[in-house]
C-alpha atoms as a PDB file:
ATOM      1  CA  UNK A   1      42.763 127.173  99.542  1.00  0.00           C
ATOM      2  CA  UNK A   2      46.392 128.261  99.800  1.00  0.00           C
ATOM      3  CA  UNK A   3      49.800 126.609  99.718  1.00  0.00           C
ATOM      4  CA  UNK A   4      52.593 128.209 101.764  1.00  0.00           C
ATOM      5  CA  UNK A   5      50.499 131.357 102.023  1.00  0.00           C
ATOM      6  CA  UNK A   6      50.038 131.651  98.263  1.00  0.00           C
ATOM      7  CA  UNK A   7      46.685 131.184  96.509  1.00  0.00           C
ATOM      8  CA  UNK A   8      46.376 128.108  94.318  1.00  0.00           C
ATOM      9  CA  UNK A   9      44.954 129.281  91.002  1.00  0.00           C
ATOM     10  CA  UNK A  10      45.212 125.903  89.328  1.00  0.00           C
ATOM     11  CA  UNK A  11      46.906 122.592  89.803  1.00  0.00           C
ATOM     12  CA  UNK A  12      50.145 121.806  87.990  1.00  0.00           C
ATOM     13  CA  UNK A  13      49.228 119.322  85.248  1.00  0.00           C
ATOM     14  CA  UNK A  14      51.650 116.400  84.980  1.00  0.00           C
ATOM     15  CA  UNK A  15      51.982 113.690  82.319  1.00  0.00           C
ATOM     16  CA  UNK A  16      53.835 110.551  83.452  1.00  0.00           C
ATOM     17  CA  UNK A  17      55.729 108.677  80.706  1.00  0.00           C
ATOM     18  CA  UNK A  18      57.193 105.282  81.664  1.00  0.00           C
ATOM     19  CA  UNK A  19      56.997 101.826  80.109  1.00  0.00           C
ATOM     20  CA  UNK A  20      56.499 100.228  83.545  1.00  0.00           C
ATOM     21  CA  UNK A  21      52.871 100.143  84.688  1.00  0.00           C
ATOM     22  CA  UNK A  22      54.111  99.706  88.272  1.00  0.00           C
ATOM     23  CA  UNK A  23      56.216 102.869  88.101  1.00  0.00           C
ATOM     24  CA  UNK A  24      53.412 104.838  86.434  1.00  0.00           C
ATOM     25  CA  UNK A  25      51.029 103.796  89.193  1.00  0.00           C
ATOM     26  CA  UNK A  26      53.541 104.568  91.944  1.00  0.00           C
ATOM     27  CA  UNK A  27      54.227 108.068  90.620  1.00  0.00           C
ATOM     28  CA  UNK A  28      50.530 108.747  90.142  1.00  0.00           C
ATOM     29  CA  UNK A  29      49.704 107.612  93.684  1.00  0.00           C
ATOM     30  CA  UNK A  30      52.503 109.644  95.257  1.00  0.00           C
ATOM     31  CA  UNK A  31      51.643 112.815  93.352  1.00  0.00           C
ATOM     32  CA  UNK A  32      47.932 112.431  94.171  1.00  0.00           C
ATOM     33  CA  UNK A  33      48.865 113.318  97.768  1.00  0.00           C
ATOM     34  CA  UNK A  34      49.926 116.795  96.650  1.00  0.00           C
ATOM     35  CA  UNK A  35      47.063 119.260  96.590  1.00  0.00           C
ATOM     36  CA  UNK A  36      48.658 121.530  94.000  1.00  0.00           C
ATOM     37  CA  UNK A  37      49.627 118.778  91.513  1.00  0.00           C
ATOM     38  CA  UNK A  38      47.385 116.715  89.239  1.00  0.00           C
ATOM     39  CA  UNK A  39      48.470 113.759  87.103  1.00  0.00           C
ATOM     40  CA  UNK A  40      46.325 114.388  84.033  1.00  0.00           C
ATOM     41  CA  UNK A  41      47.537 111.327  82.160  1.00  0.00           C
ATOM     42  CA  UNK A  42      50.073 108.544  81.785  1.00  0.00           C
ATOM     43  CA  UNK A  43      51.776 107.014  78.743  1.00  0.00           C
ATOM     44  CA  UNK A  44      53.708 103.752  78.280  1.00  0.00           C
ATOM     45  CA  UNK A  45      55.859 105.074  75.421  1.00  0.00           C
ATOM     46  CA  UNK A  46      56.692 108.288  73.518  1.00  0.00           C
ATOM     47  CA  UNK A  47      54.128 107.646  70.768  1.00  0.00           C
ATOM     48  CA  UNK A  48      51.238 107.623  73.231  1.00  0.00           C
ATOM     49  CA  UNK A  49      52.887 110.517  75.084  1.00  0.00           C
ATOM     50  CA  UNK A  50      52.977 112.617  71.915  1.00  0.00           C
ATOM     51  CA  UNK A  51      49.210 112.322  71.445  1.00  0.00           C
ATOM     52  CA  UNK A  52      48.506 113.023  75.130  1.00  0.00           C
ATOM     53  CA  UNK A  53      50.702 116.120  75.128  1.00  0.00           C
ATOM     54  CA  UNK A  54      48.571 117.559  72.336  1.00  0.00           C
ATOM     55  CA  UNK A  55      45.258 116.629  73.966  1.00  0.00           C
ATOM     56  CA  UNK A  56      46.064 117.291  77.650  1.00  0.00           C
ATOM     57  CA  UNK A  57      48.528 120.216  77.419  1.00  0.00           C
ATOM     58  CA  UNK A  58      50.536 119.246  80.542  1.00  0.00           C
ATOM     59  CA  UNK A  59      52.680 121.754  82.429  1.00  0.00           C
ATOM     60  CA  UNK A  60      55.377 119.190  83.277  1.00  0.00           C
ATOM     61  CA  UNK A  61      56.366 115.747  81.986  1.00  0.00           C
ATOM     62  CA  UNK A  62      58.117 113.023  83.967  1.00  0.00           C
ATOM     63  CA  UNK A  63      60.062 110.850  81.545  1.00  0.00           C
ATOM     64  CA  UNK A  64      61.761 107.477  81.704  1.00  0.00           C
ATOM     65  CA  UNK A  65      64.657 107.262  79.256  1.00  0.00           C
ATOM     66  CA  UNK A  66      64.909 103.504  78.800  1.00  0.00           C
ATOM     67  CA  UNK A  67      61.780 102.600  76.849  1.00  0.00           C
ATOM     68  CA  UNK A  68      60.797 100.440  73.857  1.00  0.00           C
ATOM     69  CA  UNK A  69      59.669 101.703  70.432  1.00  0.00           C
ATOM     70  CA  UNK A  70      61.402 105.076  70.864  1.00  0.00           C
ATOM     71  CA  UNK A  71      63.978 105.737  73.575  1.00  0.00           C
ATOM     72  CA  UNK A  72      63.454 108.666  75.897  1.00  0.00           C
ATOM     73  CA  UNK A  73      66.447 110.635  74.625  1.00  0.00           C
ATOM     74  CA  UNK A  74      65.216 110.621  71.023  1.00  0.00           C
ATOM     75  CA  UNK A  75      61.761 111.645  72.209  1.00  0.00           C
ATOM     76  CA  UNK A  76      63.216 114.405  74.404  1.00  0.00           C
ATOM     77  CA  UNK A  77      65.204 115.907  71.538  1.00  0.00           C
ATOM     78  CA  UNK A  78      62.123 115.966  69.319  1.00  0.00           C
ATOM     79  CA  UNK A  79      60.040 117.443  72.135  1.00  0.00           C
ATOM     80  CA  UNK A  80      62.499 120.260  72.847  1.00  0.00           C
ATOM     81  CA  UNK A  81      62.685 121.095  69.156  1.00  0.00           C
ATOM     82  CA  UNK A  82      58.981 121.167  68.363  1.00  0.00           C
ATOM     83  CA  UNK A  83      57.073 121.545  71.640  1.00  0.00           C
ATOM     84  CA  UNK A  84      59.314 122.580  74.588  1.00  0.00           C
ATOM     85  CA  UNK A  85      57.875 121.548  77.972  1.00  0.00           C
ATOM     86  CA  UNK A  86      59.592 121.224  81.373  1.00  0.00           C
ATOM     87  CA  UNK A  87      60.803 117.625  81.657  1.00  0.00           C
ATOM     88  CA  UNK A  88      61.966 115.746  84.756  1.00  0.00           C
ATOM     89  CA  UNK A  89      63.847 112.509  84.127  1.00  0.00           C
ATOM     90  CA  UNK A  90      62.916 109.582  86.370  1.00  0.00           C
ATOM     91  CA  UNK A  91      65.817 107.170  85.964  1.00  0.00           C
ATOM     92  CA  UNK A  92      67.315 104.030  87.436  1.00  0.00           C
ATOM     93  CA  UNK A  93      70.538 104.183  89.454  1.00  0.00           C
ATOM     94  CA  UNK A  94      72.462 102.013  86.991  1.00  0.00           C
ATOM     95  CA  UNK A  95      75.644 103.300  85.348  1.00  0.00           C
ATOM     96  CA  UNK A  96      73.936 103.397  81.955  1.00  0.00           C
ATOM     97  CA  UNK A  97      70.898 105.078  83.500  1.00  0.00           C
ATOM     98  CA  UNK A  98      72.999 107.844  85.040  1.00  0.00           C
ATOM     99  CA  UNK A  99      74.900 108.484  81.798  1.00  0.00           C
ATOM    100  CA  UNK A 100      71.665 108.682  79.813  1.00  0.00           C
ATOM    101  CA  UNK A 101      70.195 111.011  82.425  1.00  0.00           C
ATOM    102  CA  UNK A 102      73.146 113.364  81.967  1.00  0.00           C
ATOM    103  CA  UNK A 103      72.582 113.273  78.204  1.00  0.00           C
ATOM    104  CA  UNK A 104      68.961 114.176  78.863  1.00  0.00           C
ATOM    105  CA  UNK A 105      69.980 117.194  80.957  1.00  0.00           C
ATOM    106  CA  UNK A 106      72.209 118.405  78.125  1.00  0.00           C
ATOM    107  CA  UNK A 107      69.306 117.955  75.683  1.00  0.00           C
ATOM    108  CA  UNK A 108      66.960 120.153  77.716  1.00  0.00           C
ATOM    109  CA  UNK A 109      65.579 118.155  80.663  1.00  0.00           C
ATOM    110  CA  UNK A 110      65.646 120.220  83.852  1.00  0.00           C
ATOM    111  CA  UNK A 111      65.922 117.700  86.692  1.00  0.00           C
ATOM    112  CA  UNK A 112      66.640 114.064  87.521  1.00  0.00           C
ATOM    113  CA  UNK A 113      64.952 111.891  90.152  1.00  0.00           C
ATOM    114  CA  UNK A 114      65.974 108.341  91.011  1.00  0.00           C
ATOM    115  CA  UNK A 115      63.548 105.476  90.708  1.00  0.00           C
ATOM    116  CA  UNK A 116      62.898 103.685  94.014  1.00  0.00           C
ATOM    117  CA  UNK A 117      65.600 101.239  95.102  1.00  0.00           C
ATOM    118  CA  UNK A 118      66.561  99.238  98.167  1.00  0.00           C
ATOM    119  CA  UNK A 119      67.753 102.404  99.936  1.00  0.00           C
ATOM    120  CA  UNK A 120      65.433 104.934  98.305  1.00  0.00           C
ATOM    121  CA  UNK A 121      61.722 104.501  98.985  1.00  0.00           C
ATOM    122  CA  UNK A 122      58.720 105.330  96.855  1.00  0.00           C
ATOM    123  CA  UNK A 123      57.824 107.985  99.432  1.00  0.00           C
ATOM    124  CA  UNK A 124      61.263 109.608  99.110  1.00  0.00           C
ATOM    125  CA  UNK A 125      60.852 109.692  95.345  1.00  0.00           C
ATOM    126  CA  UNK A 126      57.378 111.198  95.638  1.00  0.00           C
ATOM    127  CA  UNK A 127      58.488 114.036  97.908  1.00  0.00           C
ATOM    128  CA  UNK A 128      61.500 114.935  95.752  1.00  0.00           C
ATOM    129  CA  UNK A 129      59.524 114.674  92.541  1.00  0.00           C
ATOM    130  CA  UNK A 130      56.773 116.956  93.851  1.00  0.00           C
ATOM    131  CA  UNK A 131      59.312 119.602  94.864  1.00  0.00           C
ATOM    132  CA  UNK A 132      61.015 119.476  91.493  1.00  0.00           C
ATOM    133  CA  UNK A 133      57.689 119.637  89.631  1.00  0.00           C
ATOM    134  CA  UNK A 134      56.849 122.844  91.489  1.00  0.00           C
ATOM    135  CA  UNK A 135      60.263 124.295  90.684  1.00  0.00           C
ATOM    136  CA  UNK A 136      60.211 123.616  86.933  1.00  0.00           C
ATOM    137  CA  UNK A 137      56.514 124.219  86.271  1.00  0.00           C
ATOM    138  CA  UNK A 138      57.014 127.959  85.757  1.00  0.00           C
ATOM    139  CA  UNK A 139      60.151 127.748  83.601  1.00  0.00           C
ATOM    140  CA  UNK A 140      59.733 129.397  80.211  1.00  0.00           C
ATOM    141  CA  UNK A 141      61.072 126.589  78.034  1.00  0.00           C
ATOM    142  CA  UNK A 142      60.720 128.526  74.800  1.00  0.00           C
ATOM    143  CA  UNK A 143      62.870 131.355  76.161  1.00  0.00           C
ATOM    144  CA  UNK A 144      65.338 128.815  77.559  1.00  0.00           C
ATOM    145  CA  UNK A 145      65.606 127.104  74.167  1.00  0.00           C
ATOM    146  CA  UNK A 146      66.157 130.431  72.396  1.00  0.00           C
ATOM    147  CA  UNK A 147      68.890 131.322  74.899  1.00  0.00           C
ATOM    148  CA  UNK A 148      70.592 127.963  74.332  1.00  0.00           C
ATOM    149  CA  UNK A 149      70.445 128.471  70.561  1.00  0.00           C
ATOM    150  CA  UNK A 150      71.880 131.980  70.934  1.00  0.00           C
ATOM    151  CA  UNK A 151      74.759 130.573  73.012  1.00  0.00           C
ATOM    152  CA  UNK A 152      75.537 127.929  70.377  1.00  0.00           C
ATOM    153  CA  UNK A 153      75.347 130.349  67.452  1.00  0.00           C
ATOM    154  CA  UNK A 154      77.156 133.168  69.236  1.00  0.00           C
ATOM    155  CA  UNK A 155      80.211 131.209  70.191  1.00  0.00           C
ATOM    156  CA  UNK A 156      80.379 127.540  71.003  1.00  0.00           C
ATOM    157  CA  UNK A 157      84.102 127.708  71.645  1.00  0.00           C
ATOM    158  CA  UNK A 158      85.272 127.333  75.218  1.00  0.00           C
ATOM    159  CA  UNK A 159      86.674 130.613  76.464  1.00  0.00           C
ATOM    160  CA  UNK A 160      89.217 130.312  79.248  1.00  0.00           C
ATOM    161  CA  UNK A 161      91.273 132.694  81.308  1.00  0.00           C
ATOM    162  CA  UNK A 162      94.956 131.995  80.729  1.00  0.00           C
ATOM    163  CA  UNK A 163      96.553 134.337  83.283  1.00  0.00           C
ATOM    164  CA  UNK A 164      99.238 132.905  85.530  1.00  0.00           C
ATOM    165  CA  UNK A 165      97.096 133.448  88.648  1.00  0.00           C
ATOM    166  CA  UNK A 166     100.248 133.720  90.734  1.00  0.00           C
ATOM    167  CA  UNK A 167      98.261 134.766  93.793  1.00  0.00           C
ATOM    168  CA  UNK A 168      95.814 131.845  93.890  1.00  0.00           C
ATOM    169  CA  UNK A 169      97.825 129.721  96.328  1.00  0.00           C
ATOM    170  CA  UNK A 170      95.511 128.554  99.112  1.00  0.00           C
ATOM    171  CA  UNK A 171      92.496 130.233  97.510  1.00  0.00           C
ATOM    172  CA  UNK A 172      89.223 128.323  97.267  1.00  0.00           C
ATOM    173  CA  UNK A 173      86.256 128.714  94.911  1.00  0.00           C
ATOM    174  CA  UNK A 174      83.071 127.161  96.341  1.00  0.00           C
ATOM    175  CA  UNK A 175      80.092 126.667  94.021  1.00  0.00           C
ATOM    176  CA  UNK A 176      76.496 125.646  94.764  1.00  0.00           C
ATOM    177  CA  UNK A 177      73.802 124.766  92.207  1.00  0.00           C
ATOM    178  CA  UNK A 178      70.523 122.911  91.784  1.00  0.00           C
ATOM    179  CA  UNK A 179      67.877 122.953  89.019  1.00  0.00           C
ATOM    180  CA  UNK A 180      69.599 123.753  85.730  1.00  0.00           C
ATOM    181  CA  UNK A 181      72.966 123.554  87.449  1.00  0.00           C
ATOM    182  CA  UNK A 182      74.543 120.788  85.400  1.00  0.00           C
ATOM    183  CA  UNK A 183      74.646 122.962  82.293  1.00  0.00           C
ATOM    184  CA  UNK A 184      75.511 126.090  84.294  1.00  0.00           C
ATOM    185  CA  UNK A 185      78.423 124.298  85.940  1.00  0.00           C
ATOM    186  CA  UNK A 186      79.630 123.101  82.559  1.00  0.00           C
ATOM    187  CA  UNK A 187      79.656 126.715  81.358  1.00  0.00           C
ATOM    188  CA  UNK A 188      81.646 127.877  84.391  1.00  0.00           C
ATOM    189  CA  UNK A 189      84.088 124.990  84.700  1.00  0.00           C
ATOM    190  CA  UNK A 190      84.981 124.746  81.008  1.00  0.00           C
ATOM    191  CA  UNK A 191      86.129 128.355  81.259  1.00  0.00           C
ATOM    192  CA  UNK A 192      88.552 127.578  84.086  1.00  0.00           C
ATOM    193  CA  UNK A 193      92.276 127.306  83.169  1.00  0.00           C
ATOM    194  CA  UNK A 194      94.394 124.324  84.180  1.00  0.00           C
ATOM    195  CA  UNK A 195      95.984 126.311  87.010  1.00  0.00           C
ATOM    196  CA  UNK A 196      92.714 127.562  88.552  1.00  0.00           C
ATOM    197  CA  UNK A 197      92.363 127.640  92.341  1.00  0.00           C
ATOM    198  CA  UNK A 198      90.965 124.547  94.042  1.00  0.00           C
ATOM    199  CA  UNK A 199      87.201 124.331  93.419  1.00  0.00           C
ATOM    200  CA  UNK A 200      84.596 122.556  95.567  1.00  0.00           C
ATOM    201  CA  UNK A 201      81.079 122.015  94.223  1.00  0.00           C
ATOM    202  CA  UNK A 202      77.695 120.972  95.557  1.00  0.00           C
ATOM    203  CA  UNK A 203      75.162 120.179  92.829  1.00  0.00           C
ATOM    204  CA  UNK A 204      71.837 118.800  94.035  1.00  0.00           C
ATOM    205  CA  UNK A 205      71.811 115.394  92.360  1.00  0.00           C
ATOM    206  CA  UNK A 206      70.839 111.856  93.400  1.00  0.00           C
ATOM    207  CA  UNK A 207      73.359 109.248  94.505  1.00  0.00           C
ATOM    208  CA  UNK A 208      75.327 107.572  91.687  1.00  0.00           C
ATOM    209  CA  UNK A 209      74.633 110.342  89.174  1.00  0.00           C
ATOM    210  CA  UNK A 210      77.449 112.553  90.477  1.00  0.00           C
ATOM    211  CA  UNK A 211      80.027 109.928  89.473  1.00  0.00           C
ATOM    212  CA  UNK A 212      79.023 110.089  85.814  1.00  0.00           C
ATOM    213  CA  UNK A 213      78.615 113.861  86.021  1.00  0.00           C
ATOM    214  CA  UNK A 214      82.181 114.349  87.294  1.00  0.00           C
ATOM    215  CA  UNK A 215      83.590 111.932  84.716  1.00  0.00           C
ATOM    216  CA  UNK A 216      81.841 113.776  81.900  1.00  0.00           C
ATOM    217  CA  UNK A 217      83.030 117.204  83.050  1.00  0.00           C
ATOM    218  CA  UNK A 218      86.555 115.844  83.344  1.00  0.00           C
ATOM    219  CA  UNK A 219      86.577 115.113  79.606  1.00  0.00           C
ATOM    220  CA  UNK A 220      85.475 118.689  78.810  1.00  0.00           C
ATOM    221  CA  UNK A 221      87.534 120.807  81.201  1.00  0.00           C
ATOM    222  CA  UNK A 222      91.163 121.879  81.450  1.00  0.00           C
ATOM    223  CA  UNK A 223      90.918 121.419  85.219  1.00  0.00           C
ATOM    224  CA  UNK A 224      90.691 117.878  86.605  1.00  0.00           C
ATOM    225  CA  UNK A 225      87.186 117.052  87.807  1.00  0.00           C
ATOM    226  CA  UNK A 226      86.394 114.170  90.168  1.00  0.00           C
ATOM    227  CA  UNK A 227      83.697 113.043  92.542  1.00  0.00           C
ATOM    228  CA  UNK A 228      84.991 113.827  96.034  1.00  0.00           C
ATOM    229  CA  UNK A 229      86.097 111.106  98.435  1.00  0.00           C
ATOM    230  CA  UNK A 230      86.550 111.637 102.157  1.00  0.00           C
ATOM    231  CA  UNK A 231      89.985 113.152 102.830  1.00  0.00           C
ATOM    232  CA  UNK A 232      90.656 114.375  99.268  1.00  0.00           C
ATOM    233  CA  UNK A 233      93.000 117.368  99.161  1.00  0.00           C
ATOM    234  CA  UNK A 234      91.742 120.566  97.559  1.00  0.00           C
ATOM    235  CA  UNK A 235      94.372 121.356  94.936  1.00  0.00           C
ATOM    236  CA  UNK A 236      94.946 124.040  92.323  1.00  0.00           C
ATOM    237  CA  UNK A 237      93.689 122.775  88.980  1.00  0.00           C
ATOM    238  CA  UNK A 238      91.193 120.348  90.509  1.00  0.00           C
ATOM    239  CA  UNK A 239      87.425 120.352  91.039  1.00  0.00           C
ATOM    240  CA  UNK A 240      85.832 118.180  93.730  1.00  0.00           C
ATOM    241  CA  UNK A 241      82.103 117.461  93.327  1.00  0.00           C
ATOM    242  CA  UNK A 242      80.142 116.316  96.381  1.00  0.00           C
ATOM    243  CA  UNK A 243      78.817 112.771  95.895  1.00  0.00           C
ATOM    244  CA  UNK A 244      75.040 112.385  95.771  1.00  0.00           C
ATOM    245  CA  UNK A 245      73.445 111.596  99.156  1.00  0.00           C
ATOM    246  CA  UNK A 246      76.508 112.831 101.105  1.00  0.00           C
ATOM    247  CA  UNK A 247      77.334 116.221 102.566  1.00  0.00           C
ATOM    248  CA  UNK A 248      80.755 117.693 101.766  1.00  0.00           C
ATOM    249  CA  UNK A 249      82.626 120.046 104.112  1.00  0.00           C
ATOM    250  CA  UNK A 250      85.878 121.936 103.683  1.00  0.00           C
ATOM    251  CA  UNK A 251      88.507 121.321 106.389  1.00  0.00           C
ATOM    252  CA  UNK A 252      92.051 122.591 106.950  1.00  0.00           C
ATOM    253  CA  UNK A 253      95.163 121.023 108.430  1.00  0.00           C
ATOM    254  CA  UNK A 254      98.012 123.526 108.516  1.00  0.00           C
ATOM    255  CA  UNK A 255      98.332 124.890 104.984  1.00  0.00           C
ATOM    256  CA  UNK A 256      96.415 121.952 103.478  1.00  0.00           C
ATOM    257  CA  UNK A 257      92.738 122.143 102.579  1.00  0.00           C
ATOM    258  CA  UNK A 258      90.841 118.872 102.291  1.00  0.00           C
ATOM    259  CA  UNK A 259      87.218 117.724 102.240  1.00  0.00           C
ATOM    260  CA  UNK A 260      85.189 115.646 104.632  1.00  0.00           C
ATOM    261  CA  UNK A 261      82.452 113.577 103.005  1.00  0.00           C
ATOM    262  CA  UNK A 262      79.843 112.283 105.399  1.00  0.00           C
ATOM    263  CA  UNK A 263      76.186 111.488 105.879  1.00  0.00           C
ATOM    264  CA  UNK A 264      73.885 113.505 108.111  1.00  0.00           C
ATOM    265  CA  UNK A 265      70.426 115.064 108.247  1.00  0.00           C
ATOM    266  CA  UNK A 266      68.936 116.631 105.134  1.00  0.00           C
ATOM    267  CA  UNK A 267      69.414 120.397 105.001  1.00  0.00           C
ATOM    268  CA  UNK A 268      66.787 122.281 102.957  1.00  0.00           C
ATOM    269  CA  UNK A 269      65.559 118.768 102.038  1.00  0.00           C
ATOM    270  CA  UNK A 270      68.947 118.161 100.399  1.00  0.00           C
ATOM    271  CA  UNK A 271      71.991 115.972 100.870  1.00  0.00           C
ATOM    272  CA  UNK A 272      74.471 117.250  99.751  1.00  0.00           C
ATOM    273  CA  UNK A 273      73.479 120.765 100.809  1.00  0.00           C
ATOM    274  CA  UNK A 274      75.136 123.982  99.649  1.00  0.00           C
ATOM    275  CA  UNK A 275      74.759 125.565 103.090  1.00  0.00           C
ATOM    276  CA  UNK A 276      76.776 122.771 104.695  1.00  0.00           C
ATOM    277  CA  UNK A 277      79.651 123.347 102.265  1.00  0.00           C
ATOM    278  CA  UNK A 278      79.514 127.162 102.353  1.00  0.00           C
ATOM    279  CA  UNK A 279      79.452 127.361 106.164  1.00  0.00           C
ATOM    280  CA  UNK A 280      82.504 125.112 106.363  1.00  0.00           C
ATOM    281  CA  UNK A 281      84.253 127.279 103.752  1.00  0.00           C
ATOM    282  CA  UNK A 282      83.461 130.361 105.856  1.00  0.00           C
ATOM    283  CA  UNK A 283      84.988 128.681 108.902  1.00  0.00           C
ATOM    284  CA  UNK A 284      88.159 127.274 107.380  1.00  0.00           C
ATOM    285  CA  UNK A 285      88.931 129.486 104.341  1.00  0.00           C
ATOM    286  CA  UNK A 286      87.470 132.863 105.313  1.00  0.00           C
ATOM    287  CA  UNK A 287      88.796 135.684 103.144  1.00  0.00           C
ATOM    288  CA  UNK A 288      90.713 133.189 100.981  1.00  0.00           C
ATOM    289  CA  UNK A 289      87.416 132.021  99.471  1.00  0.00           C
ATOM    290  CA  UNK A 290      85.116 133.022  96.635  1.00  0.00           C
ATOM    291  CA  UNK A 291      81.514 131.798  96.744  1.00  0.00           C
ATOM    292  CA  UNK A 292      79.358 131.228  93.677  1.00  0.00           C
ATOM    293  CA  UNK A 293      75.639 130.471  93.767  1.00  0.00           C
ATOM    294  CA  UNK A 294      74.040 129.264  90.542  1.00  0.00           C
ATOM    295  CA  UNK A 295      70.560 128.460  89.300  1.00  0.00           C
ATOM    296  CA  UNK A 296      68.329 126.396  91.574  1.00  0.00           C
ATOM    297  CA  UNK A 297      65.107 126.215  93.538  1.00  0.00           C
ATOM    298  CA  UNK A 298      64.737 127.129  97.202  1.00  0.00           C
ATOM    299  CA  UNK A 299      67.066 128.927  99.589  1.00  0.00           C
ATOM    300  CA  UNK A 300      69.941 126.467 100.009  1.00  0.00           C
ATOM    301  CA  UNK A 301      73.219 128.384 100.069  1.00  0.00           C
ATOM    302  CA  UNK A 302      71.852 131.771 101.178  1.00  0.00           C
ATOM    303  CA  UNK A 303      72.754 131.412 104.862  1.00  0.00           C
ATOM    304  CA  UNK A 304      76.089 129.827 103.973  1.00  0.00           C
ATOM    305  CA  UNK A 305      76.901 132.658 101.589  1.00  0.00           C
ATOM    306  CA  UNK A 306      76.083 135.184 104.328  1.00  0.00           C
ATOM    307  CA  UNK A 307      78.502 133.340 106.626  1.00  0.00           C
ATOM    308  CA  UNK A 308      81.171 133.449 103.918  1.00  0.00           C
ATOM    309  CA  UNK A 309      80.666 137.191 103.456  1.00  0.00           C
ATOM    310  CA  UNK A 310      80.945 137.750 107.223  1.00  0.00           C
ATOM    311  CA  UNK A 311      84.237 135.851 107.236  1.00  0.00           C
ATOM    312  CA  UNK A 312      85.697 138.052 104.485  1.00  0.00           C
ATOM    313  CA  UNK A 313      84.907 136.045 101.344  1.00  0.00           C
ATOM    314  CA  UNK A 314      83.744 137.540  98.037  1.00  0.00           C
ATOM    315  CA  UNK A 315      80.519 136.198  96.505  1.00  0.00           C
ATOM    316  CA  UNK A 316      78.908 135.948  93.070  1.00  0.00           C
ATOM    317  CA  UNK A 317      75.316 135.060  92.118  1.00  0.00           C
ATOM    318  CA  UNK A 318      74.019 134.062  88.696  1.00  0.00           C
ATOM    319  CA  UNK A 319      71.592 136.600  87.255  1.00  0.00           C
ATOM    320  CA  UNK A 320      67.888 135.977  86.712  1.00  0.00           C
ATOM    321  CA  UNK A 321      68.005 136.063  82.913  1.00  0.00           C
ATOM    322  CA  UNK A 322      70.423 133.137  82.604  1.00  0.00           C
ATOM    323  CA  UNK A 323      69.087 131.122  85.561  1.00  0.00           C
ATOM    324  CA  UNK A 324      66.695 128.272  84.834  1.00  0.00           C
ATOM    325  CA  UNK A 325      65.263 128.843  88.332  1.00  0.00           C
ATOM    326  CA  UNK A 326      66.231 132.059  90.116  1.00  0.00           C
ATOM    327  CA  UNK A 327      65.360 130.807  93.617  1.00  0.00           C
ATOM    328  CA  UNK A 328      68.789 130.139  95.153  1.00  0.00           C
ATOM    329  CA  UNK A 329      70.567 133.175  93.670  1.00  0.00           C
ATOM    330  CA  UNK A 330      67.621 135.412  94.597  1.00  0.00           C
ATOM    331  CA  UNK A 331      67.625 134.260  98.232  1.00  0.00           C
ATOM    332  CA  UNK A 332      71.390 134.762  98.493  1.00  0.00           C
ATOM    333  CA  UNK A 333      71.103 138.270  97.015  1.00  0.00           C
ATOM    334  CA  UNK A 334      68.414 139.100  99.606  1.00  0.00           C
ATOM    335  CA  UNK A 335      70.910 138.516 102.414  1.00  0.00           C
ATOM    336  CA  UNK A 336      73.156 141.305 101.129  1.00  0.00           C
ATOM    337  CA  UNK A 337      76.080 138.878 100.920  1.00  0.00           C
ATOM    338  CA  UNK A 338      76.493 138.955  97.123  1.00  0.00           C
ATOM    339  CA  UNK A 339      79.166 141.221  95.650  1.00  0.00           C
ATOM    340  CA  UNK A 340      78.337 140.693  91.963  1.00  0.00           C
ATOM    341  CA  UNK A 341      75.273 139.416  90.064  1.00  0.00           C
ATOM    342  CA  UNK A 342      76.395 138.164  86.665  1.00  0.00           C
ATOM    343  CA  UNK A 343      75.250 136.190  83.599  1.00  0.00           C
ATOM    344  CA  UNK A 344      76.529 132.643  83.582  1.00  0.00           C
ATOM    345  CA  UNK A 345      79.213 133.153  80.934  1.00  0.00           C
ATOM    346  CA  UNK A 346      80.881 135.946  82.966  1.00  0.00           C
ATOM    347  CA  UNK A 347      81.093 134.071  86.261  1.00  0.00           C
ATOM    348  CA  UNK A 348      84.320 132.104  85.716  1.00  0.00           C
ATOM    349  CA  UNK A 349      86.304 135.234  84.840  1.00  0.00           C
ATOM    350  CA  UNK A 350      84.914 137.132  87.830  1.00  0.00           C
ATOM    351  CA  UNK A 351      85.609 134.284  90.257  1.00  0.00           C
ATOM    352  CA  UNK A 352      89.180 133.983  89.018  1.00  0.00           C
ATOM    353  CA  UNK A 353      89.689 137.724  89.315  1.00  0.00           C
ATOM    354  CA  UNK A 354      88.381 137.721  92.872  1.00  0.00           C
ATOM    355  CA  UNK A 355      90.557 134.752  93.804  1.00  0.00           C
ATOM    356  CA  UNK A 356      93.626 136.362  92.296  1.00  0.00           C
ATOM    357  CA  UNK A 357      93.229 139.747  93.943  1.00  0.00           C
ATOM    358  CA  UNK A 358      94.826 140.626  97.278  1.00  0.00           C
ATOM    359  CA  UNK A 359      92.261 140.831 100.059  1.00  0.00           C
ATOM    360  CA  UNK A 360      91.554 144.185 101.686  1.00  0.00           C
ATOM    361  CA  UNK A 361      89.932 144.279 105.085  1.00  0.00           C
ATOM    362  CA  UNK A 362      86.832 146.427 105.456  1.00  0.00           C
ATOM    363  CA  UNK A 363      87.380 149.710 107.180  1.00  0.00           C
END
C-alpha cells in the first residue's frame, strides 16, 4: 500500500489527550479514516498521558491545554524537558484558549488546531489535524530542543539593525510561514528596527488565534504589529498579519500600499494562503518587494515566490537546519526563485539589506 506514491512502512502512532470524552472520541473517529495514522491510545489528563507515553511510545501527541489535575501547559513543559515528542495543541477558540495556545507554541508545541465550533466542523478539524500530524511526525524534537537551548545560551538579547534605511520608502517585505512559524517569525520580527519597511505576513493559523499572536508580537517588537483589517495601509514600521480564515492581498493606489482582507477558496488547503499574498505582492510591488519563506509543511508560497522573482523581487528562504519543517522553503528553492538560503537569525538583516539596496535590472 502507498500514500501519494510513497510506501507506508508504518502508521503514525498518535496519543490523544483531552479531558472531554466527546472530543477524544471525535478525534479518534476522524483520524481512523486516515490509512497512515493510528490512534494508539487516549488519556483524560496528563497523569494518564504520562503512563501511556511510556507504554505506547507515540510519534505525535494531540493535547488540550485546559484540563483538570494538571493543566496542559505545565504538562507540556515537563514533556519537552524530559521526553520531547511532537505535540499538536487542540484548543478552543476562546480568547483565553488562544493565548494559552500561543504559550504552548513558545514552550515547544509545533501546531495548533481549533476544536469544532458553529462554523468549524468536526470533519474540518479531522482533515487539518491529519495533515499537521503528518507534517510534525518526522520532526527531531531532541535536536530542536538542543537548538532552542543553544539560542538561549548563546544570546537571548534581541539584535536589531539600527541603520537609517533611507531607501526603504515604498519597499515591502512579504513573509510566509506555517509549522514552526510562530517562533521563527518572532526571531525575524524582533530583529526589525522601528523604521523597517512595511511588512505583510501570512502565518497558517486558525481564526481567532492571529489576534492574540499579533498582540503578543506587538509587545516584543520595535515595529508595531497588528492583525490586518481590510483597507489597512502598509506603513514603514508596521507589520500586518493576515487574520485566520481570511486571505490577505497587497493592493496599491497611487503611492499608497494597502491590504485587502477577504474570504475565498482554500489554496493549498489554507486560508490565509502564502501564495495569494505573494502573487499580489508580485503584481503590485514588483521589484520594490522582498519575499521571505519560513518553516512550514507543503508547497504554499513556492509559486508566489516564483512570481515575485519574475517581477523583479529579491527572495530569501530559511535553511533546513533551522526549519522545524523544511517543506515550504524547499519547494520555493526548487523553483529557482530564491536568492539566499539563510539560518533564521540572519534573515532580518538580509531582508533589510535587500530592501535598502537600489534595484538593478537584469541584463
